[in-house]
Amino acid sequence: MAETPSSSLRKGKNMKDHNFMISESEVEAEQNLMQLKDEEERHSIRGSKRSRSKGDESLSDIIMAKIQEIFGNDIEVFPTKKQRRYRSLVSIYMVTRPVNAANDTRVKA
């Protein structure tokens, strides 16, 4: 395997990158994830549509296992986005009164 620039760093030392301190274990984790991504891309090029869906499921399981191995089970890897609640127009119209645009007063209903 070819030596990457970050693997030539000494073990236990921190690397300064754009005013952020990155530990060697984080660099190794990033390299592992990049390697898994490359494998995933090569796999998706080779497979057909039918075999790709089965292969993607097993590949995603492998990737999740690697992530859990690196970071542990305590971390939420892919946090879910908070769903926004939208009010319907009917509910807005029920709680508001029309505004008279001529003199900025509310119309009595």
N, C-alpha and C. Protein backbone atom coordinates (compact mmCIF):
# COMPACT_ATOMS: atom_id res chain seq x y z
N MET A 1 0.85 -1.17 0.00
CA MET A 1 0.00 0.00 0.00
C MET A 1 0.89 1.23 0.00
N ALA A 2 0.55 2.23 -0.78
CA ALA A 2 1.36 3.44 -0.89
C ALA A 2 1.25 4.25 0.40
N GLU A 3 2.35 4.89 0.75
CA GLU A 3 2.36 5.68 1.98
C GLU A 3 1.76 7.04 1.70
N THR A 4 0.81 7.43 2.50
CA THR A 4 0.18 8.74 2.35
C THR A 4 0.93 9.75 3.19
N PRO A 5 0.79 11.05 2.88
CA PRO A 5 1.51 12.06 3.64
C PRO A 5 1.18 12.05 5.13
N SER A 6 -0.06 11.77 5.48
CA SER A 6 -0.42 11.79 6.90
C SER A 6 0.09 10.56 7.64
N SER A 7 0.32 9.44 6.91
CA SER A 7 0.81 8.25 7.59
C SER A 7 2.29 8.38 7.93
N SER A 8 2.97 9.35 7.32
CA SER A 8 4.37 9.54 7.64
C SER A 8 4.56 10.34 8.93
N LEU A 9 3.46 10.85 9.50
CA LEU A 9 3.55 11.57 10.77
C LEU A 9 3.88 10.60 11.89
N ARG A 10 4.52 11.10 12.92
CA ARG A 10 4.85 10.25 14.06
C ARG A 10 3.61 9.92 14.86
N LYS A 11 3.60 8.72 15.43
CA LYS A 11 2.46 8.29 16.26
C LYS A 11 2.40 9.15 17.52
N GLY A 12 1.16 9.47 17.92
CA GLY A 12 0.97 10.22 19.15
C GLY A 12 1.14 11.71 18.99
N LYS A 13 1.59 12.20 17.86
CA LYS A 13 1.77 13.63 17.64
C LYS A 13 0.51 14.20 17.01
N ASN A 14 0.31 15.47 17.19
CA ASN A 14 -0.84 16.14 16.59
C ASN A 14 -0.38 16.92 15.37
N MET A 15 -1.28 17.04 14.39
CA MET A 15 -0.97 17.73 13.16
C MET A 15 -1.81 19.01 13.13
N LYS A 16 -1.20 20.14 12.78
CA LYS A 16 -1.93 21.39 12.71
C LYS A 16 -2.37 21.61 11.27
N ASP A 17 -3.68 21.76 11.07
CA ASP A 17 -4.22 21.91 9.74
C ASP A 17 -5.29 22.99 9.78
N HIS A 18 -5.01 24.16 9.23
CA HIS A 18 -5.96 25.27 9.18
C HIS A 18 -6.46 25.62 10.58
N ASN A 19 -5.57 25.77 11.51
CA ASN A 19 -5.87 26.15 12.89
C ASN A 19 -6.69 25.12 13.65
N PHE A 20 -6.77 23.88 13.17
CA PHE A 20 -7.44 22.80 13.87
C PHE A 20 -6.38 21.77 14.26
N MET A 21 -6.54 21.18 15.43
CA MET A 21 -5.64 20.12 15.84
C MET A 21 -6.31 18.79 15.53
N ILE A 22 -5.64 17.97 14.74
CA ILE A 22 -6.18 16.67 14.35
C ILE A 22 -5.24 15.61 14.89
N SER A 23 -5.78 14.68 15.66
CA SER A 23 -4.95 13.63 16.23
C SER A 23 -4.68 12.55 15.18
N GLU A 24 -3.69 11.76 15.43
CA GLU A 24 -3.30 10.70 14.50
C GLU A 24 -4.42 9.68 14.32
N SER A 25 -5.16 9.39 15.40
CA SER A 25 -6.26 8.43 15.28
C SER A 25 -7.36 8.97 14.37
N GLU A 26 -7.62 10.27 14.42
CA GLU A 26 -8.61 10.86 13.53
C GLU A 26 -8.15 10.81 12.08
N VAL A 27 -6.86 11.03 11.85
CA VAL A 27 -6.31 10.94 10.50
C VAL A 27 -6.45 9.52 9.97
N GLU A 28 -6.15 8.54 10.81
CA GLU A 28 -6.27 7.14 10.39
C GLU A 28 -7.73 6.79 10.11
N ALA A 29 -8.64 7.31 10.93
CA ALA A 29 -10.06 7.05 10.70
C ALA A 29 -10.52 7.65 9.38
N GLU A 30 -10.05 8.86 9.08
CA GLU A 30 -10.40 9.49 7.81
C GLU A 30 -9.85 8.69 6.64
N GLN A 31 -8.63 8.19 6.77
CA GLN A 31 -8.04 7.38 5.71
C GLN A 31 -8.84 6.10 5.49
N ASN A 32 -9.25 5.47 6.58
CA ASN A 32 -10.06 4.25 6.46
C ASN A 32 -11.38 4.54 5.76
N LEU A 33 -12.01 5.66 6.12
CA LEU A 33 -13.28 6.01 5.48
C LEU A 33 -13.09 6.33 4.01
N MET A 34 -11.99 7.01 3.67
CA MET A 34 -11.71 7.31 2.27
C MET A 34 -11.45 6.03 1.49
N GLN A 35 -10.75 5.10 2.10
CA GLN A 35 -10.47 3.82 1.44
C GLN A 35 -11.78 3.05 1.22
N LEU A 36 -12.66 3.05 2.21
CA LEU A 36 -13.95 2.39 2.05
C LEU A 36 -14.78 3.05 0.95
N LYS A 37 -14.70 4.37 0.86
CA LYS A 37 -15.43 5.10 -0.18
C LYS A 37 -14.90 4.71 -1.56
N ASP A 38 -13.57 4.60 -1.70
CA ASP A 38 -12.98 4.18 -2.97
C ASP A 38 -13.43 2.78 -3.34
N GLU A 39 -13.46 1.88 -2.36
CA GLU A 39 -13.92 0.51 -2.62
C GLU A 39 -15.38 0.52 -3.06
N GLU A 40 -16.18 1.36 -2.42
CA GLU A 40 -17.59 1.45 -2.77
C GLU A 40 -17.76 1.96 -4.20
N GLU A 41 -16.97 2.95 -4.60
CA GLU A 41 -17.06 3.48 -5.95
C GLU A 41 -16.65 2.43 -6.98
N ARG A 42 -15.58 1.70 -6.69
CA ARG A 42 -15.14 0.65 -7.62
C ARG A 42 -16.20 -0.44 -7.73
N HIS A 43 -16.82 -0.77 -6.61
CA HIS A 43 -17.84 -1.81 -6.59
C HIS A 43 -19.06 -1.38 -7.40
N SER A 44 -19.47 -0.12 -7.27
CA SER A 44 -20.67 0.35 -7.97
C SER A 44 -20.44 0.43 -9.47
N ILE A 45 -19.22 0.64 -9.91
CA ILE A 45 -18.92 0.68 -11.34
C ILE A 45 -19.03 -0.71 -11.94
N ARG A 46 -18.57 -1.72 -11.21
CA ARG A 46 -18.55 -3.09 -11.73
C ARG A 46 -19.91 -3.75 -11.77
N GLY A 47 -20.75 -3.52 -10.77
CA GLY A 47 -21.98 -4.28 -10.61
C GLY A 47 -23.10 -3.84 -11.53
N SER A 48 -24.03 -4.75 -11.75
CA SER A 48 -25.24 -4.41 -12.50
C SER A 48 -26.25 -3.82 -11.54
N LYS A 49 -27.39 -3.35 -12.06
CA LYS A 49 -28.39 -2.72 -11.19
C LYS A 49 -28.93 -3.70 -10.16
N ARG A 50 -29.20 -4.92 -10.59
CA ARG A 50 -29.79 -5.90 -9.68
C ARG A 50 -28.79 -6.30 -8.59
N SER A 51 -27.58 -6.59 -8.96
CA SER A 51 -26.59 -7.00 -7.97
C SER A 51 -26.09 -5.81 -7.16
N ARG A 52 -26.21 -4.62 -7.71
CA ARG A 52 -25.73 -3.43 -7.02
C ARG A 52 -26.55 -3.16 -5.76
N SER A 53 -27.86 -3.37 -5.82
CA SER A 53 -28.68 -3.11 -4.64
C SER A 53 -28.34 -4.07 -3.50
N LYS A 54 -28.12 -5.34 -3.83
CA LYS A 54 -27.72 -6.30 -2.80
C LYS A 54 -26.31 -5.99 -2.29
N GLY A 55 -25.43 -5.65 -3.22
CA GLY A 55 -24.05 -5.34 -2.84
C GLY A 55 -23.96 -4.07 -2.02
N ASP A 56 -24.79 -3.07 -2.36
CA ASP A 56 -24.78 -1.82 -1.61
C ASP A 56 -25.22 -2.04 -0.17
N GLU A 57 -26.20 -2.92 0.03
CA GLU A 57 -26.66 -3.21 1.39
C GLU A 57 -25.54 -3.85 2.21
N SER A 58 -24.87 -4.84 1.62
CA SER A 58 -23.80 -5.50 2.36
C SER A 58 -22.62 -4.56 2.54
N LEU A 59 -22.34 -3.73 1.54
CA LEU A 59 -21.25 -2.78 1.65
C LEU A 59 -21.55 -1.72 2.70
N SER A 60 -22.80 -1.27 2.76
CA SER A 60 -23.15 -0.29 3.79
C SER A 60 -23.05 -0.91 5.19
N ASP A 61 -23.38 -2.20 5.30
CA ASP A 61 -23.21 -2.89 6.59
C ASP A 61 -21.74 -2.94 6.98
N ILE A 62 -20.88 -3.20 6.01
CA ILE A 62 -19.44 -3.24 6.27
C ILE A 62 -18.94 -1.87 6.69
N ILE A 63 -19.40 -0.83 5.99
CA ILE A 63 -18.97 0.53 6.32
C ILE A 63 -19.43 0.91 7.72
N MET A 64 -20.68 0.59 8.06
CA MET A 64 -21.17 0.91 9.40
C MET A 64 -20.39 0.14 10.47
N ALA A 65 -20.03 -1.10 10.18
CA ALA A 65 -19.24 -1.88 11.14
C ALA A 65 -17.87 -1.24 11.35
N LYS A 66 -17.25 -0.77 10.25
CA LYS A 66 -15.94 -0.11 10.36
C LYS A 66 -16.06 1.18 11.16
N ILE A 67 -17.11 1.96 10.90
CA ILE A 67 -17.30 3.22 11.63
C ILE A 67 -17.50 2.94 13.11
N GLN A 68 -18.30 1.92 13.43
CA GLN A 68 -18.52 1.58 14.84
C GLN A 68 -17.24 1.05 15.47
N GLU A 69 -16.42 0.35 14.70
CA GLU A 69 -15.15 -0.15 15.21
C GLU A 69 -14.22 1.01 15.54
N ILE A 70 -14.22 2.03 14.69
CA ILE A 70 -13.32 3.17 14.87
C ILE A 70 -13.81 4.08 15.99
N PHE A 71 -15.09 4.47 15.92
CA PHE A 71 -15.61 5.47 16.84
C PHE A 71 -16.38 4.89 18.01
N GLY A 72 -16.77 3.65 17.95
CA GLY A 72 -17.55 3.04 19.02
C GLY A 72 -19.03 3.19 18.76
N ASN A 73 -19.82 2.53 19.59
CA ASN A 73 -21.27 2.54 19.42
C ASN A 73 -21.94 3.74 20.07
N ASP A 74 -21.20 4.51 20.86
CA ASP A 74 -21.79 5.61 21.61
C ASP A 74 -22.15 6.80 20.73
N ILE A 75 -21.49 6.93 19.60
CA ILE A 75 -21.66 8.11 18.75
C ILE A 75 -22.79 7.88 17.76
N GLU A 76 -23.61 8.90 17.57
CA GLU A 76 -24.63 8.84 16.52
C GLU A 76 -23.94 9.29 15.24
N VAL A 77 -23.73 8.37 14.32
CA VAL A 77 -22.93 8.64 13.14
C VAL A 77 -23.66 9.54 12.16
N PHE A 78 -24.91 9.23 11.87
CA PHE A 78 -25.68 10.02 10.94
C PHE A 78 -26.88 10.61 11.68
N PRO A 79 -26.71 11.78 12.29
CA PRO A 79 -27.81 12.34 13.06
C PRO A 79 -29.00 12.66 12.15
N THR A 80 -30.19 12.41 12.66
CA THR A 80 -31.38 12.69 11.87
C THR A 80 -31.67 14.18 11.93
N LYS A 81 -32.16 14.70 10.83
CA LYS A 81 -32.50 16.11 10.79
C LYS A 81 -33.80 16.34 11.55
N LYS A 82 -33.85 17.45 12.24
CA LYS A 82 -35.06 17.79 12.98
C LYS A 82 -36.13 18.18 11.96
N GLN A 83 -37.27 17.54 12.07
CA GLN A 83 -38.35 17.84 11.14
C GLN A 83 -39.05 19.13 11.55
N ARG A 84 -39.27 20.00 10.58
CA ARG A 84 -39.97 21.23 10.84
C ARG A 84 -41.47 20.99 10.77
N ARG A 85 -42.19 21.66 11.65
CA ARG A 85 -43.64 21.58 11.61
C ARG A 85 -44.16 22.79 10.86
N TYR A 86 -44.97 22.54 9.89
CA TYR A 86 -45.57 23.62 9.12
C TYR A 86 -47.05 23.72 9.47
N ARG A 87 -47.51 24.94 9.60
CA ARG A 87 -48.92 25.16 9.89
C ARG A 87 -49.67 25.24 8.57
N SER A 88 -50.87 24.72 8.59
CA SER A 88 -51.69 24.80 7.39
C SER A 88 -52.30 26.20 7.29
N LEU A 89 -52.68 26.58 6.09
CA LEU A 89 -53.31 27.89 5.90
C LEU A 89 -54.62 27.99 6.67
N VAL A 90 -55.33 26.89 6.77
CA VAL A 90 -56.60 26.89 7.50
C VAL A 90 -56.36 27.24 8.96
N SER A 91 -55.35 26.65 9.58
CA SER A 91 -55.09 26.94 10.99
C SER A 91 -54.62 28.38 11.18
N ILE A 92 -53.89 28.92 10.22
CA ILE A 92 -53.44 30.32 10.32
C ILE A 92 -54.63 31.25 10.20
N TYR A 93 -55.52 31.00 9.23
CA TYR A 93 -56.70 31.84 9.05
C TYR A 93 -57.64 31.76 10.25
N MET A 94 -57.68 30.64 10.92
CA MET A 94 -58.58 30.50 12.07
C MET A 94 -58.12 31.34 13.26
N VAL A 95 -56.84 31.54 13.44
CA VAL A 95 -56.35 32.27 14.61
C VAL A 95 -56.02 33.73 14.31
N THR A 96 -56.11 34.17 13.06
CA THR A 96 -55.81 35.56 12.73
C THR A 96 -57.05 36.25 12.19
N ARG A 97 -56.99 37.57 12.20
CA ARG A 97 -58.06 38.38 11.61
C ARG A 97 -57.48 39.14 10.42
N PRO A 98 -58.32 39.47 9.45
CA PRO A 98 -57.83 40.22 8.29
C PRO A 98 -57.36 41.61 8.69
N VAL A 99 -56.39 42.16 7.96
CA VAL A 99 -55.85 43.48 8.22
C VAL A 99 -56.37 44.42 7.14
N ASN A 100 -56.85 45.58 7.55
CA ASN A 100 -57.28 46.60 6.60
C ASN A 100 -56.03 47.32 6.14
N ALA A 101 -55.68 47.19 4.88
CA ALA A 101 -54.43 47.74 4.36
C ALA A 101 -54.46 49.26 4.29
N ALA A 102 -55.64 49.88 4.25
CA ALA A 102 -55.73 51.32 4.10
C ALA A 102 -55.21 52.06 5.33
N ASN A 103 -55.56 51.60 6.52
CA ASN A 103 -55.11 52.32 7.71
C ASN A 103 -54.45 51.40 8.73
N ASP A 104 -53.99 50.25 8.31
CA ASP A 104 -53.26 49.31 9.17
C ASP A 104 -54.02 48.93 10.43
N THR A 105 -55.30 48.76 10.35
CA THR A 105 -56.08 48.31 11.49
C THR A 105 -56.71 46.97 11.14
N ARG A 106 -57.01 46.21 12.15
CA ARG A 106 -57.64 44.91 11.93
C ARG A 106 -59.14 45.09 11.76
N VAL A 107 -59.67 44.34 10.85
CA VAL A 107 -61.10 44.38 10.59
C VAL A 107 -61.80 43.55 11.65
N LYS A 108 -62.88 44.07 12.21
CA LYS A 108 -63.64 43.33 13.21
C LYS A 108 -64.45 42.26 12.52
N ALA A 109 -64.36 41.06 13.03
CA ALA A 109 -65.08 39.96 12.40
C ALA A 109 -66.36 39.65 13.11
